[in-house]
């Protein structure tokens, strides 16, 4: 499973409440950073994936 697939699979998809779109803080740094930290790190990870998609064998963002 690719990193992108794992992140999207584990993203909160509940449409009620303020957890929608975030990630559960499950790593070893979570006690200090919490949900905000986990969501920020995962968003940055996805940004790298999409920014360098052509380098990782993915589709360029300007292609259809």
C-alpha atoms as a PDB file:
ATOM      1  CA  UNK A   1       0.000   0.000   0.000  1.00  0.00           C
ATOM      2  CA  UNK A   2       1.317   3.430  -0.887  1.00  0.00           C
ATOM      3  CA  UNK A   3       1.669   6.181   1.693  1.00  0.00           C
ATOM      4  CA  UNK A   4      -1.052   8.260   0.004  1.00  0.00           C
ATOM      5  CA  UNK A   5      -3.493   5.355   0.091  1.00  0.00           C
ATOM      6  CA  UNK A   6      -2.746   4.627   3.751  1.00  0.00           C
ATOM      7  CA  UNK A   7      -3.207   8.263   4.765  1.00  0.00           C
ATOM      8  CA  UNK A   8      -6.479   8.701   2.923  1.00  0.00           C
ATOM      9  CA  UNK A   9      -7.806   5.385   4.241  1.00  0.00           C
ATOM     10  CA  UNK A  10      -7.115   6.451   7.840  1.00  0.00           C
ATOM     11  CA  UNK A  11      -8.458   9.996   7.562  1.00  0.00           C
ATOM     12  CA  UNK A  12     -11.599  10.670   9.617  1.00  0.00           C
ATOM     13  CA  UNK A  13     -14.572  10.616   7.284  1.00  0.00           C
ATOM     14  CA  UNK A  14     -17.318  11.311   9.796  1.00  0.00           C
ATOM     15  CA  UNK A  15     -19.357  14.273   8.631  1.00  0.00           C
ATOM     16  CA  UNK A  16     -20.460  15.336  12.092  1.00  0.00           C
ATOM     17  CA  UNK A  17     -18.339  17.181  14.589  1.00  0.00           C
ATOM     18  CA  UNK A  18     -14.947  18.763  14.357  1.00  0.00           C
ATOM     19  CA  UNK A  19     -12.950  15.584  13.676  1.00  0.00           C
ATOM     20  CA  UNK A  20     -13.971  15.440  10.007  1.00  0.00           C
ATOM     21  CA  UNK A  21     -10.930  15.425   7.725  1.00  0.00           C
ATOM     22  CA  UNK A  22      -8.423  15.028  10.540  1.00  0.00           C
ATOM     23  CA  UNK A  23      -6.311  12.069  11.612  1.00  0.00           C
ATOM     24  CA  UNK A  24      -6.259  10.338  14.977  1.00  0.00           C
ATOM     25  CA  UNK A  25      -3.099  11.174  16.942  1.00  0.00           C
ATOM     26  CA  UNK A  26      -1.609   7.680  17.182  1.00  0.00           C
ATOM     27  CA  UNK A  27       2.153   8.078  16.817  1.00  0.00           C
ATOM     28  CA  UNK A  28       4.729   8.480  19.572  1.00  0.00           C
ATOM     29  CA  UNK A  29       4.692  12.297  19.367  1.00  0.00           C
ATOM     30  CA  UNK A  30       0.928  12.541  19.790  1.00  0.00           C
ATOM     31  CA  UNK A  31       0.919  13.136  23.543  1.00  0.00           C
ATOM     32  CA  UNK A  32       2.619  16.481  22.877  1.00  0.00           C
ATOM     33  CA  UNK A  33       1.086  17.476  19.542  1.00  0.00           C
ATOM     34  CA  UNK A  34      -2.330  15.855  19.533  1.00  0.00           C
ATOM     35  CA  UNK A  35      -4.803  15.916  16.652  1.00  0.00           C
ATOM     36  CA  UNK A  36      -3.518  19.223  15.251  1.00  0.00           C
ATOM     37  CA  UNK A  37       0.011  17.828  14.986  1.00  0.00           C
ATOM     38  CA  UNK A  38      -1.125  14.545  13.414  1.00  0.00           C
ATOM     39  CA  UNK A  39      -3.276  16.341  10.839  1.00  0.00           C
ATOM     40  CA  UNK A  40      -0.545  18.847   9.970  1.00  0.00           C
ATOM     41  CA  UNK A  41       2.101  16.145   9.477  1.00  0.00           C
ATOM     42  CA  UNK A  42      -0.212  14.032   7.336  1.00  0.00           C
ATOM     43  CA  UNK A  43      -1.219  17.032   5.206  1.00  0.00           C
ATOM     44  CA  UNK A  44       2.441  17.875   4.645  1.00  0.00           C
ATOM     45  CA  UNK A  45       3.115  14.269   3.670  1.00  0.00           C
ATOM     46  CA  UNK A  46       0.322  14.409   1.088  1.00  0.00           C
ATOM     47  CA  UNK A  47       1.615  17.752  -0.189  1.00  0.00           C
ATOM     48  CA  UNK A  48       4.997  16.199  -0.940  1.00  0.00           C
ATOM     49  CA  UNK A  49       3.296  13.327  -2.750  1.00  0.00           C
ATOM     50  CA  UNK A  50       1.269  15.633  -4.993  1.00  0.00           C
ATOM     51  CA  UNK A  51       4.011  18.219  -5.505  1.00  0.00           C
ATOM     52  CA  UNK A  52       6.494  15.615  -6.695  1.00  0.00           C
ATOM     53  CA  UNK A  53       4.013  13.215  -8.303  1.00  0.00           C
ATOM     54  CA  UNK A  54       6.020  12.891 -11.504  1.00  0.00           C
ATOM     55  CA  UNK A  55       9.148  11.974  -9.525  1.00  0.00           C
ATOM     56  CA  UNK A  56       7.274   9.225  -7.681  1.00  0.00           C
ATOM     57  CA  UNK A  57       5.701   7.809 -10.825  1.00  0.00           C
ATOM     58  CA  UNK A  58       2.345   9.484 -10.329  1.00  0.00           C
ATOM     59  CA  UNK A  59       0.363  11.678 -12.649  1.00  0.00           C
ATOM     60  CA  UNK A  60       1.310  15.321 -13.074  1.00  0.00           C
ATOM     61  CA  UNK A  61      -1.272  17.751 -11.722  1.00  0.00           C
ATOM     62  CA  UNK A  62      -1.724  19.513 -15.077  1.00  0.00           C
ATOM     63  CA  UNK A  63      -2.529  16.265 -16.919  1.00  0.00           C
ATOM     64  CA  UNK A  64      -6.062  14.962 -17.335  1.00  0.00           C
END
